[in-house]
C-alpha atoms as a PDB file:
ATOM      1  CA  MET A   1       1.751   6.018   7.895  1.00  0.00           C
ATOM      2  CA  LEU A   2       2.373   9.009  10.118  1.00  0.00           C
ATOM      3  CA  GLU A   3       4.654  10.434   7.429  1.00  0.00           C
ATOM      4  CA  LEU A   4       1.809  10.268   4.918  1.00  0.00           C
ATOM      5  CA  ALA A   5      -0.489  12.058   7.337  1.00  0.00           C
ATOM      6  CA  LEU A   6       2.079  14.827   7.781  1.00  0.00           C
ATOM      7  CA  LEU A   7       2.503  15.080   4.011  1.00  0.00           C
ATOM      8  CA  PHE A   8      -1.256  15.465   3.500  1.00  0.00           C
ATOM      9  CA  PHE A   9      -1.329  18.043   6.302  1.00  0.00           C
ATOM     10  CA  VAL A  10       1.362  20.128   4.582  1.00  0.00           C
ATOM     11  CA  ILE A  11      -0.464  19.842   1.252  1.00  0.00           C
ATOM     12  CA  ALA A  12      -3.648  21.025   2.962  1.00  0.00           C
ATOM     13  CA  ILE A  13      -1.889  24.054   4.455  1.00  0.00           C
ATOM     14  CA  VAL A  14      -0.364  25.000   1.100  1.00  0.00           C
ATOM     15  CA  ALA A  15      -3.660  24.508  -0.723  1.00  0.00           C
ATOM     16  CA  GLY A  16      -5.477  26.580   1.891  1.00  0.00           C
ATOM     17  CA  ALA A  17      -2.933  29.380   1.566  1.00  0.00           C
ATOM     18  CA  LEU A  18      -3.365  29.371  -2.208  1.00  0.00           C
ATOM     19  CA  GLY A  19      -7.150  29.516  -1.932  1.00  0.00           C
ATOM     20  CA  ALA A  20      -7.995  25.966  -3.018  1.00  0.00           C
ATOM     21  CA  THR A  21     -10.342  25.283  -0.120  1.00  0.00           C
ATOM     22  CA  GLY A  22     -11.837  22.138  -1.664  1.00  0.00           C
ATOM     23  CA  VAL A  23      -8.446  20.491  -1.995  1.00  0.00           C
ATOM     24  CA  ALA A  24      -7.443  21.694   1.481  1.00  0.00           C
ATOM     25  CA  GLY A  25     -10.558  20.194   3.049  1.00  0.00           C
ATOM     26  CA  LEU A  26     -10.107  16.894   1.257  1.00  0.00           C
ATOM     27  CA  THR A  27      -6.458  16.534   2.203  1.00  0.00           C
ATOM     28  CA  MET A  28      -7.173  17.471   5.830  1.00  0.00           C
ATOM     29  CA  SER A  29      -9.822  14.776   5.914  1.00  0.00           C
ATOM     30  CA  ILE A  30      -7.382  12.207   4.538  1.00  0.00           C
ATOM     31  CA  ALA A  31      -4.721  13.312   7.027  1.00  0.00           C
ATOM     32  CA  LYS A  32      -7.182  12.984   9.901  1.00  0.00           C
ATOM     33  CA  TRP A  33      -8.097   9.422   8.937  1.00  0.00           C
ATOM     34  CA  LEU A  34      -4.442   8.460   8.485  1.00  0.00           C
ATOM     35  CA  VAL A  35      -3.599   9.761  11.966  1.00  0.00           C
ATOM     36  CA  LEU A  36      -6.533   7.863  13.466  1.00  0.00           C
ATOM     37  CA  LEU A  37      -5.479   4.689  11.666  1.00  0.00           C
ATOM     38  CA  PHE A  38      -1.910   5.172  12.889  1.00  0.00           C
ATOM     39  CA  LEU A  39      -3.096   5.566  16.487  1.00  0.00           C
ATOM     40  CA  VAL A  40      -5.282   2.467  16.320  1.00  0.00           C
ATOM     41  CA  LEU A  41      -2.463   0.388  14.856  1.00  0.00           C
ATOM     42  CA  ALA A  42      -0.006   1.744  17.444  1.00  0.00           C
ATOM     43  CA  VAL A  43      -2.314   0.818  20.331  1.00  0.00           C
ATOM     44  CA  LEU A  44      -2.920  -2.636  18.858  1.00  0.00           C
ATOM     45  CA  SER A  45       0.780  -3.259  18.441  1.00  0.00           C
ATOM     46  CA  LEU A  46       1.398  -2.251  22.060  1.00  0.00           C
ATOM     47  CA  LEU A  47      -1.343  -4.540  23.346  1.00  0.00           C
ATOM     48  CA  LEU A  48      -0.452  -7.590  21.299  1.00  0.00           C
END
């Protein structure tokens, strides 16, 4: 899941550099939610 977040982050950087700000914003949003989901699942796996 963290790999997907990093992939979306790289796509967002490339899209931002090319001027596609809509795509960059969308992919950054997806990457943010994937990182948050990863952190929640990591904490749950450590607690259980």
